Amino acid sequence: MLVYEYLPYELARLDVLGQATGLDLNQVMERVRLAAIRETLVSAGPDEPHALSEVWIASFQHSQWRRIACVMAEQRMSVYKPSEDRRAVRYDDERLQRLEKDCADAGQPDGQGPIERLRHRVYRITARPAAALAGEQPLVRHYFAGSEAAAVGHAQRSFSRQSGTNENGEYRIVSVEQILPRPGEFF
């Protein structure tokens, strides 16, 4: 059975917590401001058909930056430390409880069948119609997958279903970027 070690919202939260660690309140407030600008900019862009989207990521991260700023102000932290943030500690405890429950639920009653913990990532894939017209917007999709190749496979299947949106029905992937966690972080 498959069990996800981190879910997309947990990866987004850990990304913010990691960036916030060691910052003072002024630096965190600047990140809140930048996150608000990013959320506004991506909200004005084209909608993605999936729940995991650039808008969702930007909105979730903006709310996390605001929450951290409030915690720092309330607790009068000189610099942000996740270990002193009760909610951040609770989030990690909840993730571990979810993981334990998922593993227990995935276990076979007869004890057979290994449980596989998956460390998925969030990838941003950009594609353009093969016969792109000048000024035509690229398609951007976000996928939760175990590898870049798996994300590309998901994207290719998704783009082939959207073949009615351009004349020849073919898209060419122009970029694949791991966005959560940032490459080199966590795992």
N, C-alpha and C. Protein backbone atom coordinates (compact mmCIF):
# COMPACT_ATOMS: atom_id res chain seq x y z
N MET A 1 0.83 -1.18 0.00
CA MET A 1 0.00 0.00 0.00
C MET A 1 0.88 1.25 0.00
N LEU A 2 0.36 2.30 -0.58
CA LEU A 2 1.10 3.55 -0.71
C LEU A 2 0.65 4.56 0.35
N VAL A 3 1.61 5.19 0.98
CA VAL A 3 1.34 6.20 2.01
C VAL A 3 2.22 7.40 1.71
N TYR A 4 1.63 8.59 1.66
CA TYR A 4 2.38 9.80 1.38
C TYR A 4 3.00 10.36 2.65
N GLU A 5 4.32 10.52 2.63
CA GLU A 5 5.01 11.05 3.80
C GLU A 5 4.65 12.52 4.04
N TYR A 6 4.52 13.28 2.97
CA TYR A 6 4.10 14.68 3.05
C TYR A 6 3.03 14.90 1.99
N LEU A 7 2.02 15.68 2.33
CA LEU A 7 0.99 16.06 1.38
C LEU A 7 1.31 17.46 0.86
N PRO A 8 0.71 17.89 -0.26
CA PRO A 8 1.08 19.20 -0.83
C PRO A 8 0.98 20.36 0.16
N TYR A 9 -0.09 20.41 0.96
CA TYR A 9 -0.21 21.53 1.89
C TYR A 9 0.87 21.45 2.97
N GLU A 10 1.31 20.25 3.34
CA GLU A 10 2.38 20.12 4.31
C GLU A 10 3.71 20.59 3.72
N LEU A 11 3.93 20.30 2.44
CA LEU A 11 5.14 20.78 1.78
C LEU A 11 5.14 22.30 1.68
N ALA A 12 3.99 22.89 1.36
CA ALA A 12 3.89 24.36 1.28
C ALA A 12 4.15 24.99 2.64
N ARG A 13 3.60 24.40 3.69
CA ARG A 13 3.79 24.92 5.05
C ARG A 13 5.26 24.80 5.45
N LEU A 14 5.88 23.65 5.19
CA LEU A 14 7.29 23.46 5.55
C LEU A 14 8.20 24.41 4.79
N ASP A 15 7.82 24.73 3.56
CA ASP A 15 8.60 25.69 2.78
C ASP A 15 8.62 27.05 3.47
N VAL A 16 7.46 27.50 3.92
CA VAL A 16 7.38 28.80 4.61
C VAL A 16 8.11 28.73 5.95
N LEU A 17 7.88 27.68 6.72
CA LEU A 17 8.56 27.55 8.01
C LEU A 17 10.08 27.57 7.84
N GLY A 18 10.57 26.87 6.83
CA GLY A 18 12.01 26.85 6.58
C GLY A 18 12.55 28.22 6.22
N GLN A 19 11.82 28.95 5.38
CA GLN A 19 12.26 30.29 5.00
C GLN A 19 12.19 31.27 6.17
N ALA A 20 11.21 31.08 7.04
CA ALA A 20 11.00 32.02 8.15
C ALA A 20 12.00 31.82 9.28
N THR A 21 12.53 30.63 9.41
CA THR A 21 13.43 30.32 10.52
C THR A 21 14.61 31.29 10.54
N GLY A 22 14.78 31.96 11.67
CA GLY A 22 15.89 32.89 11.86
C GLY A 22 15.63 34.32 11.42
N LEU A 23 14.45 34.58 10.84
CA LEU A 23 14.13 35.95 10.41
C LEU A 23 13.55 36.74 11.58
N ASP A 24 13.81 38.06 11.59
CA ASP A 24 13.18 38.91 12.60
C ASP A 24 11.82 39.36 12.08
N LEU A 25 11.07 40.06 12.92
CA LEU A 25 9.69 40.44 12.56
C LEU A 25 9.65 41.34 11.33
N ASN A 26 10.59 42.26 11.20
CA ASN A 26 10.61 43.13 10.02
C ASN A 26 10.81 42.32 8.75
N GLN A 27 11.69 41.35 8.80
CA GLN A 27 11.93 40.50 7.63
C GLN A 27 10.69 39.66 7.31
N VAL A 28 10.04 39.16 8.35
CA VAL A 28 8.82 38.37 8.15
C VAL A 28 7.73 39.27 7.56
N MET A 29 7.60 40.48 8.04
CA MET A 29 6.59 41.40 7.50
C MET A 29 6.85 41.70 6.03
N GLU A 30 8.11 41.79 5.65
CA GLU A 30 8.45 41.98 4.23
C GLU A 30 8.02 40.76 3.43
N ARG A 31 8.21 39.58 3.97
CA ARG A 31 7.76 38.34 3.29
C ARG A 31 6.24 38.30 3.19
N VAL A 32 5.55 38.79 4.20
CA VAL A 32 4.09 38.87 4.14
C VAL A 32 3.69 39.78 2.98
N ARG A 33 4.35 40.91 2.87
CA ARG A 33 4.05 41.86 1.79
C ARG A 33 4.30 41.24 0.42
N LEU A 34 5.45 40.57 0.28
CA LEU A 34 5.78 39.93 -1.00
C LEU A 34 4.82 38.78 -1.32
N ALA A 35 4.42 38.03 -0.30
CA ALA A 35 3.47 36.93 -0.52
C ALA A 35 2.11 37.48 -0.95
N ALA A 36 1.70 38.62 -0.40
CA ALA A 36 0.44 39.23 -0.80
C ALA A 36 0.49 39.69 -2.26
N ILE A 37 1.61 40.27 -2.65
CA ILE A 37 1.78 40.70 -4.05
C ILE A 37 1.74 39.48 -4.97
N ARG A 38 2.44 38.42 -4.59
CA ARG A 38 2.46 37.21 -5.41
C ARG A 38 1.05 36.63 -5.54
N GLU A 39 0.32 36.59 -4.42
CA GLU A 39 -1.04 36.04 -4.46
C GLU A 39 -1.92 36.87 -5.40
N THR A 40 -1.79 38.17 -5.35
CA THR A 40 -2.59 39.04 -6.22
C THR A 40 -2.22 38.81 -7.69
N LEU A 41 -0.93 38.70 -7.98
CA LEU A 41 -0.49 38.51 -9.36
C LEU A 41 -0.96 37.18 -9.93
N VAL A 42 -0.82 36.11 -9.17
CA VAL A 42 -1.21 34.81 -9.72
C VAL A 42 -2.73 34.68 -9.78
N SER A 43 -3.44 35.40 -8.93
CA SER A 43 -4.91 35.37 -8.99
C SER A 43 -5.43 35.99 -10.27
N ALA A 44 -4.67 36.91 -10.83
CA ALA A 44 -5.07 37.57 -12.07
C ALA A 44 -4.78 36.71 -13.30
N GLY A 45 -3.98 35.66 -13.13
CA GLY A 45 -3.62 34.80 -14.25
C GLY A 45 -4.71 33.79 -14.59
N PRO A 46 -4.44 32.96 -15.59
CA PRO A 46 -5.43 31.96 -15.99
C PRO A 46 -5.63 30.91 -14.89
N ASP A 47 -6.85 30.41 -14.80
CA ASP A 47 -7.18 29.39 -13.81
C ASP A 47 -6.60 28.04 -14.22
N GLU A 48 -6.22 27.28 -13.23
CA GLU A 48 -5.82 25.89 -13.46
C GLU A 48 -7.01 25.02 -13.10
N PRO A 49 -7.21 23.93 -13.82
CA PRO A 49 -8.39 23.11 -13.56
C PRO A 49 -8.28 22.23 -12.31
N HIS A 50 -7.11 22.10 -11.75
CA HIS A 50 -6.92 21.22 -10.60
C HIS A 50 -6.88 22.03 -9.31
N ALA A 51 -7.15 21.34 -8.19
CA ALA A 51 -7.11 22.00 -6.88
C ALA A 51 -5.69 22.46 -6.55
N LEU A 52 -4.69 21.69 -6.96
CA LEU A 52 -3.31 22.07 -6.72
C LEU A 52 -2.90 23.05 -7.82
N SER A 53 -2.87 24.33 -7.47
CA SER A 53 -2.62 25.35 -8.47
C SER A 53 -1.69 26.41 -7.90
N GLU A 54 -1.20 27.26 -8.78
CA GLU A 54 -0.34 28.37 -8.36
C GLU A 54 -1.09 29.29 -7.40
N VAL A 55 -2.37 29.50 -7.66
CA VAL A 55 -3.19 30.36 -6.80
C VAL A 55 -3.31 29.74 -5.40
N TRP A 56 -3.59 28.45 -5.36
CA TRP A 56 -3.72 27.78 -4.06
C TRP A 56 -2.41 27.86 -3.28
N ILE A 57 -1.29 27.58 -3.93
CA ILE A 57 0.02 27.62 -3.26
C ILE A 57 0.30 29.03 -2.74
N ALA A 58 0.10 30.04 -3.59
CA ALA A 58 0.37 31.43 -3.18
C ALA A 58 -0.53 31.85 -2.03
N SER A 59 -1.80 31.50 -2.09
CA SER A 59 -2.74 31.85 -1.03
C SER A 59 -2.39 31.16 0.28
N PHE A 60 -2.09 29.88 0.21
CA PHE A 60 -1.74 29.13 1.41
C PHE A 60 -0.47 29.68 2.04
N GLN A 61 0.54 29.95 1.22
CA GLN A 61 1.79 30.46 1.76
C GLN A 61 1.62 31.87 2.32
N HIS A 62 0.80 32.70 1.69
CA HIS A 62 0.54 34.04 2.21
C HIS A 62 -0.09 33.94 3.59
N SER A 63 -1.06 33.05 3.75
CA SER A 63 -1.70 32.90 5.06
C SER A 63 -0.72 32.40 6.11
N GLN A 64 0.22 31.54 5.71
CA GLN A 64 1.23 31.06 6.65
C GLN A 64 2.18 32.18 7.07
N TRP A 65 2.58 33.02 6.12
CA TRP A 65 3.44 34.16 6.48
C TRP A 65 2.72 35.10 7.44
N ARG A 66 1.42 35.37 7.19
CA ARG A 66 0.65 36.22 8.10
C ARG A 66 0.56 35.59 9.49
N ARG A 67 0.33 34.29 9.54
CA ARG A 67 0.23 33.58 10.81
C ARG A 67 1.54 33.68 11.58
N ILE A 68 2.66 33.50 10.90
CA ILE A 68 3.97 33.58 11.56
C ILE A 68 4.21 34.99 12.09
N ALA A 69 3.84 36.00 11.33
CA ALA A 69 4.00 37.39 11.80
C ALA A 69 3.18 37.61 13.06
N CYS A 70 1.97 37.11 13.10
CA CYS A 70 1.12 37.25 14.30
C CYS A 70 1.73 36.53 15.49
N VAL A 71 2.22 35.33 15.28
CA VAL A 71 2.84 34.55 16.36
C VAL A 71 4.05 35.29 16.91
N MET A 72 4.87 35.81 16.02
CA MET A 72 6.06 36.54 16.46
C MET A 72 5.68 37.77 17.27
N ALA A 73 4.67 38.50 16.82
CA ALA A 73 4.24 39.70 17.54
C ALA A 73 3.65 39.33 18.89
N GLU A 74 2.79 38.32 18.92
CA GLU A 74 2.15 37.91 20.17
C GLU A 74 3.16 37.39 21.19
N GLN A 75 4.12 36.59 20.72
CA GLN A 75 5.09 35.98 21.63
C GLN A 75 6.36 36.82 21.79
N ARG A 76 6.40 37.94 21.10
CA ARG A 76 7.55 38.85 21.14
C ARG A 76 8.87 38.11 20.84
N MET A 77 8.84 37.34 19.77
CA MET A 77 10.03 36.62 19.35
C MET A 77 10.99 37.59 18.68
N SER A 78 12.26 37.50 19.01
CA SER A 78 13.24 38.35 18.33
C SER A 78 13.52 37.78 16.94
N VAL A 79 13.59 36.47 16.83
CA VAL A 79 13.70 35.78 15.55
C VAL A 79 12.76 34.58 15.59
N TYR A 80 12.29 34.19 14.41
CA TYR A 80 11.33 33.08 14.35
C TYR A 80 12.04 31.74 14.53
N LYS A 81 11.49 30.95 15.45
CA LYS A 81 11.96 29.58 15.68
C LYS A 81 10.72 28.69 15.67
N PRO A 82 10.62 27.77 14.71
CA PRO A 82 9.45 26.89 14.67
C PRO A 82 9.24 26.10 15.96
N SER A 83 10.32 25.79 16.65
CA SER A 83 10.19 25.02 17.90
C SER A 83 9.47 25.82 19.00
N GLU A 84 9.42 27.16 18.87
CA GLU A 84 8.73 28.00 19.84
C GLU A 84 7.33 28.39 19.37
N ASP A 85 6.96 27.93 18.22
CA ASP A 85 5.64 28.20 17.63
C ASP A 85 4.76 26.98 17.91
N ARG A 86 3.83 27.12 18.85
CA ARG A 86 3.00 25.98 19.26
C ARG A 86 2.24 25.37 18.08
N ARG A 87 1.76 26.21 17.19
CA ARG A 87 1.00 25.68 16.06
C ARG A 87 1.91 24.93 15.09
N ALA A 88 3.13 25.40 14.87
CA ALA A 88 4.06 24.69 14.00
C ALA A 88 4.40 23.32 14.58
N VAL A 89 4.57 23.27 15.89
CA VAL A 89 4.84 21.98 16.55
C VAL A 89 3.63 21.08 16.40
N ARG A 90 2.43 21.64 16.59
CA ARG A 90 1.20 20.86 16.45
C ARG A 90 1.03 20.34 15.02
N TYR A 91 1.37 21.18 14.04
CA TYR A 91 1.28 20.75 12.64
C TYR A 91 2.13 19.51 12.40
N ASP A 92 3.35 19.53 12.94
CA ASP A 92 4.23 18.38 12.74
C ASP A 92 3.69 17.15 13.45
N ASP A 93 3.15 17.34 14.65
CA ASP A 93 2.54 16.22 15.38
C ASP A 93 1.36 15.66 14.59
N GLU A 94 0.54 16.54 14.02
CA GLU A 94 -0.61 16.10 13.23
C GLU A 94 -0.17 15.33 11.99
N ARG A 95 0.91 15.78 11.36
CA ARG A 95 1.42 15.07 10.18
C ARG A 95 1.87 13.67 10.57
N LEU A 96 2.58 13.56 11.69
CA LEU A 96 3.04 12.25 12.14
C LEU A 96 1.86 11.35 12.50
N GLN A 97 0.83 11.91 13.13
CA GLN A 97 -0.37 11.12 13.45
C GLN A 97 -1.07 10.67 12.18
N ARG A 98 -1.16 11.57 11.19
CA ARG A 98 -1.78 11.21 9.91
C ARG A 98 -1.00 10.09 9.26
N LEU A 99 0.33 10.19 9.28
CA LEU A 99 1.18 9.18 8.68
C LEU A 99 0.99 7.83 9.38
N GLU A 100 0.95 7.84 10.71
CA GLU A 100 0.73 6.60 11.45
C GLU A 100 -0.64 6.00 11.12
N LYS A 101 -1.66 6.86 11.05
CA LYS A 101 -3.01 6.38 10.73
C LYS A 101 -3.05 5.83 9.32
N ASP A 102 -2.45 6.55 8.36
CA ASP A 102 -2.43 6.06 6.98
C ASP A 102 -1.72 4.71 6.89
N CYS A 103 -0.62 4.56 7.63
CA CYS A 103 0.10 3.29 7.62
C CYS A 103 -0.76 2.19 8.24
N ALA A 104 -1.44 2.51 9.32
CA ALA A 104 -2.31 1.52 9.96
C ALA A 104 -3.47 1.15 9.03
N ASP A 105 -4.07 2.14 8.38
CA ASP A 105 -5.17 1.88 7.46
C ASP A 105 -4.72 1.10 6.24
N ALA A 106 -3.47 1.31 5.83
CA ALA A 106 -2.94 0.63 4.65
C ALA A 106 -2.53 -0.81 4.95
N GLY A 107 -2.31 -1.13 6.21
CA GLY A 107 -1.88 -2.47 6.58
C GLY A 107 -2.94 -3.51 6.24
N GLN A 108 -2.50 -4.64 5.77
CA GLN A 108 -3.41 -5.73 5.44
C GLN A 108 -3.81 -6.47 6.70
N PRO A 109 -5.06 -6.93 6.82
CA PRO A 109 -5.48 -7.63 8.02
C PRO A 109 -4.65 -8.89 8.30
N ASP A 110 -4.17 -9.52 7.24
CA ASP A 110 -3.37 -10.73 7.44
C ASP A 110 -1.88 -10.44 7.57
N GLY A 111 -1.53 -9.16 7.62
CA GLY A 111 -0.13 -8.77 7.80
C GLY A 111 0.69 -8.82 6.53
N GLN A 112 0.05 -9.09 5.40
CA GLN A 112 0.79 -9.17 4.13
C GLN A 112 0.74 -7.82 3.42
N GLY A 113 1.65 -7.66 2.54
CA GLY A 113 1.70 -6.45 1.74
C GLY A 113 2.49 -5.34 2.41
N PRO A 114 3.62 -4.99 1.84
CA PRO A 114 4.44 -3.94 2.44
C PRO A 114 3.79 -2.56 2.28
N ILE A 115 4.11 -1.70 3.21
CA ILE A 115 3.64 -0.32 3.15
C ILE A 115 4.79 0.51 2.58
N GLU A 116 4.50 1.23 1.52
CA GLU A 116 5.53 2.03 0.86
C GLU A 116 5.27 3.50 1.16
N ARG A 117 6.24 4.16 1.80
CA ARG A 117 6.13 5.59 2.07
C ARG A 117 6.65 6.36 0.86
N LEU A 118 5.81 7.20 0.32
CA LEU A 118 6.16 7.96 -0.88
C LEU A 118 6.52 9.39 -0.51
N ARG A 119 7.62 9.85 -1.05
CA ARG A 119 8.05 11.24 -0.86
C ARG A 119 7.82 11.98 -2.16
N HIS A 120 6.61 12.42 -2.34
CA HIS A 120 6.25 13.14 -3.55
C HIS A 120 6.68 14.60 -3.43
N ARG A 121 6.72 15.24 -4.57
CA ARG A 121 7.06 16.64 -4.68
C ARG A 121 5.99 17.32 -5.53
N VAL A 122 6.00 18.64 -5.54
CA VAL A 122 5.09 19.39 -6.40
C VAL A 122 5.92 19.98 -7.53
N TYR A 123 5.49 19.69 -8.75
CA TYR A 123 6.18 20.17 -9.94
C TYR A 123 5.28 21.13 -10.71
N ARG A 124 5.90 22.19 -11.26
CA ARG A 124 5.20 23.12 -12.15
C ARG A 124 5.64 22.78 -13.57
N ILE A 125 4.67 22.48 -14.41
CA ILE A 125 4.96 22.13 -15.80
C ILE A 125 4.29 23.16 -16.70
N THR A 126 5.09 23.68 -17.61
CA THR A 126 4.60 24.67 -18.57
C THR A 126 4.66 24.05 -19.95
N ALA A 127 3.57 24.22 -20.70
CA ALA A 127 3.51 23.67 -22.07
C ALA A 127 2.91 24.71 -22.99
N ARG A 128 3.31 24.61 -24.24
CA ARG A 128 2.76 25.48 -25.28
C ARG A 128 2.18 24.60 -26.38
N PRO A 129 1.15 25.11 -27.05
CA PRO A 129 0.64 24.36 -28.20
C PRO A 129 1.76 24.20 -29.23
N ALA A 130 1.82 23.03 -29.86
CA ALA A 130 2.88 22.77 -30.83
C ALA A 130 2.88 23.82 -31.94
N ALA A 131 1.71 24.28 -32.32
CA ALA A 131 1.60 25.31 -33.35
C ALA A 131 1.15 26.61 -32.68
N ALA A 132 1.96 27.09 -31.76
CA ALA A 132 1.58 28.27 -30.97
C ALA A 132 1.51 29.51 -31.84
N LEU A 133 0.48 30.28 -31.60
CA LEU A 133 0.33 31.57 -32.27
C LEU A 133 1.00 32.63 -31.41
N ALA A 134 1.38 33.71 -32.04
CA ALA A 134 2.01 34.80 -31.30
C ALA A 134 1.07 35.30 -30.22
N GLY A 135 1.59 35.45 -29.03
CA GLY A 135 0.81 35.96 -27.92
C GLY A 135 -0.06 34.93 -27.22
N GLU A 136 -0.05 33.69 -27.70
CA GLU A 136 -0.87 32.65 -27.06
C GLU A 136 -0.25 32.28 -25.72
N GLN A 137 -1.09 32.20 -24.69
CA GLN A 137 -0.62 31.91 -23.34
C GLN A 137 -0.25 30.44 -23.19
N PRO A 138 0.84 30.17 -22.47
CA PRO A 138 1.18 28.77 -22.21
C PRO A 138 0.23 28.18 -21.17
N LEU A 139 0.15 26.87 -21.15
CA LEU A 139 -0.59 26.17 -20.10
C LEU A 139 0.37 25.88 -18.96
N VAL A 140 -0.05 26.17 -17.74
CA VAL A 140 0.77 25.88 -16.57
C VAL A 140 -0.07 24.98 -15.67
N ARG A 141 0.52 23.86 -15.26
CA ARG A 141 -0.15 22.93 -14.38
C ARG A 141 0.80 22.51 -13.27
N HIS A 142 0.24 22.18 -12.13
CA HIS A 142 1.02 21.70 -10.99
C HIS A 142 0.62 20.26 -10.71
N TYR A 143 1.62 19.43 -10.47
CA TYR A 143 1.38 18.01 -10.24
C TYR A 143 2.12 17.55 -9.00
N PHE A 144 1.48 16.70 -8.23
CA PHE A 144 2.05 16.08 -7.05
C PHE A 144 2.50 14.70 -7.51
N ALA A 145 3.82 14.50 -7.58
CA ALA A 145 4.34 13.26 -8.13
C ALA A 145 5.66 12.89 -7.47
N GLY A 146 6.03 11.63 -7.61
CA GLY A 146 7.25 11.11 -6.98
C GLY A 146 8.51 11.46 -7.72
N SER A 147 8.41 11.84 -8.97
CA SER A 147 9.60 12.18 -9.75
C SER A 147 9.21 13.14 -10.87
N GLU A 148 10.21 13.74 -11.46
CA GLU A 148 9.97 14.63 -12.58
C GLU A 148 9.33 13.87 -13.74
N ALA A 149 9.82 12.64 -13.99
CA ALA A 149 9.28 11.83 -15.08
C ALA A 149 7.80 11.51 -14.85
N ALA A 150 7.43 11.20 -13.62
CA ALA A 150 6.03 10.91 -13.31
C ALA A 150 5.17 12.16 -13.51
N ALA A 151 5.67 13.32 -13.11
CA ALA A 151 4.93 14.57 -13.30
C ALA A 151 4.73 14.86 -14.78
N VAL A 152 5.77 14.63 -15.58
CA VAL A 152 5.67 14.83 -17.03
C VAL A 152 4.63 13.88 -17.61
N GLY A 153 4.61 12.64 -17.13
CA GLY A 153 3.61 11.68 -17.61
C GLY A 153 2.19 12.14 -17.30
N HIS A 154 1.98 12.62 -16.08
CA HIS A 154 0.66 13.17 -15.71
C HIS A 154 0.30 14.33 -16.63
N ALA A 155 1.27 15.20 -16.86
CA ALA A 155 1.01 16.39 -17.69
C ALA A 155 0.67 15.98 -19.12
N GLN A 156 1.41 15.05 -19.67
CA GLN A 156 1.14 14.63 -21.05
C GLN A 156 -0.26 14.06 -21.19
N ARG A 157 -0.69 13.27 -20.21
CA ARG A 157 -2.06 12.74 -20.25
C ARG A 157 -3.07 13.87 -20.14
N SER A 158 -2.80 14.82 -19.25
CA SER A 158 -3.71 15.95 -19.06
C SER A 158 -3.78 16.80 -20.32
N PHE A 159 -2.63 17.10 -20.90
CA PHE A 159 -2.61 17.95 -22.09
C PHE A 159 -3.28 17.26 -23.27
N SER A 160 -3.17 15.94 -23.38
CA SER A 160 -3.82 15.25 -24.49
C SER A 160 -5.33 15.30 -24.35
N ARG A 161 -5.85 15.35 -23.11
CA ARG A 161 -7.30 15.48 -22.89
C ARG A 161 -7.79 16.88 -23.25
N GLN A 162 -6.88 17.84 -23.25
CA GLN A 162 -7.26 19.22 -23.57
C GLN A 162 -7.03 19.53 -25.03
N SER A 163 -6.96 18.51 -25.88
CA SER A 163 -6.60 18.72 -27.27
C SER A 163 -7.58 19.63 -28.01
N GLY A 164 -8.78 19.76 -27.54
CA GLY A 164 -9.74 20.63 -28.20
C GLY A 164 -9.44 22.10 -28.03
N THR A 165 -8.48 22.45 -27.16
CA THR A 165 -8.22 23.87 -26.92
C THR A 165 -7.29 24.48 -27.96
N ASN A 166 -6.68 23.67 -28.81
CA ASN A 166 -5.91 24.24 -29.92
C ASN A 166 -6.16 23.41 -31.17
N GLU A 167 -5.79 23.92 -32.31
CA GLU A 167 -6.20 23.30 -33.57
C GLU A 167 -5.64 21.91 -33.79
N ASN A 168 -4.35 21.69 -33.57
CA ASN A 168 -3.80 20.38 -33.87
C ASN A 168 -3.77 19.46 -32.66
N GLY A 169 -4.17 19.96 -31.49
CA GLY A 169 -4.32 19.12 -30.32
C GLY A 169 -3.03 18.64 -29.69
N GLU A 170 -1.90 19.24 -30.01
CA GLU A 170 -0.64 18.80 -29.43
C GLU A 170 0.01 19.92 -28.63
N TYR A 171 0.58 19.53 -27.49
CA TYR A 171 1.30 20.47 -26.66
C TYR A 171 2.73 20.01 -26.52
N ARG A 172 3.61 20.98 -26.40
CA ARG A 172 5.02 20.70 -26.19
C ARG A 172 5.40 21.24 -24.82
N ILE A 173 5.92 20.36 -23.96
CA ILE A 173 6.33 20.79 -22.63
C ILE A 173 7.61 21.60 -22.78
N VAL A 174 7.59 22.81 -22.24
CA VAL A 174 8.75 23.69 -22.37
C VAL A 174 9.55 23.82 -21.07
N SER A 175 8.93 23.51 -19.93
CA SER A 175 9.69 23.53 -18.69
C SER A 175 9.04 22.68 -17.62
N VAL A 176 9.89 22.10 -16.78
CA VAL A 176 9.47 21.32 -15.63
C VAL A 176 10.31 21.81 -14.47
N GLU A 177 9.62 22.23 -13.40
CA GLU A 177 10.34 22.80 -12.27
C GLU A 177 9.77 22.23 -10.97
N GLN A 178 10.65 21.70 -10.11
CA GLN A 178 10.22 21.26 -8.79
C GLN A 178 10.09 22.51 -7.94
N ILE A 179 8.88 22.74 -7.39
CA ILE A 179 8.69 23.96 -6.60
C ILE A 179 8.49 23.69 -5.11
N LEU A 180 8.01 22.50 -4.75
CA LEU A 180 7.85 22.14 -3.34
C LEU A 180 8.28 20.70 -3.13
N PRO A 181 9.11 20.42 -2.19
CA PRO A 181 9.96 21.40 -1.54
C PRO A 181 10.96 21.93 -2.55
N ARG A 182 11.58 23.03 -2.22
CA ARG A 182 12.60 23.56 -3.12
C ARG A 182 13.70 22.52 -3.26
N PRO A 183 14.27 22.37 -4.44
CA PRO A 183 15.30 21.34 -4.63
C PRO A 183 16.39 21.44 -3.55
N GLY A 184 16.71 20.31 -2.96
CA GLY A 184 17.74 20.25 -1.94
C GLY A 184 17.21 20.37 -0.53
N GLU A 185 15.93 20.74 -0.37
CA GLU A 185 15.36 20.87 0.98
C GLU A 185 14.63 19.61 1.36
N PHE A 186 14.62 19.29 2.63
CA PHE A 186 13.90 18.18 3.24
C PHE A 186 14.41 16.82 2.80
N PHE A 187 14.38 16.55 1.49
CA PHE A 187 14.83 15.26 0.97
C PHE A 187 15.19 15.42 -0.48
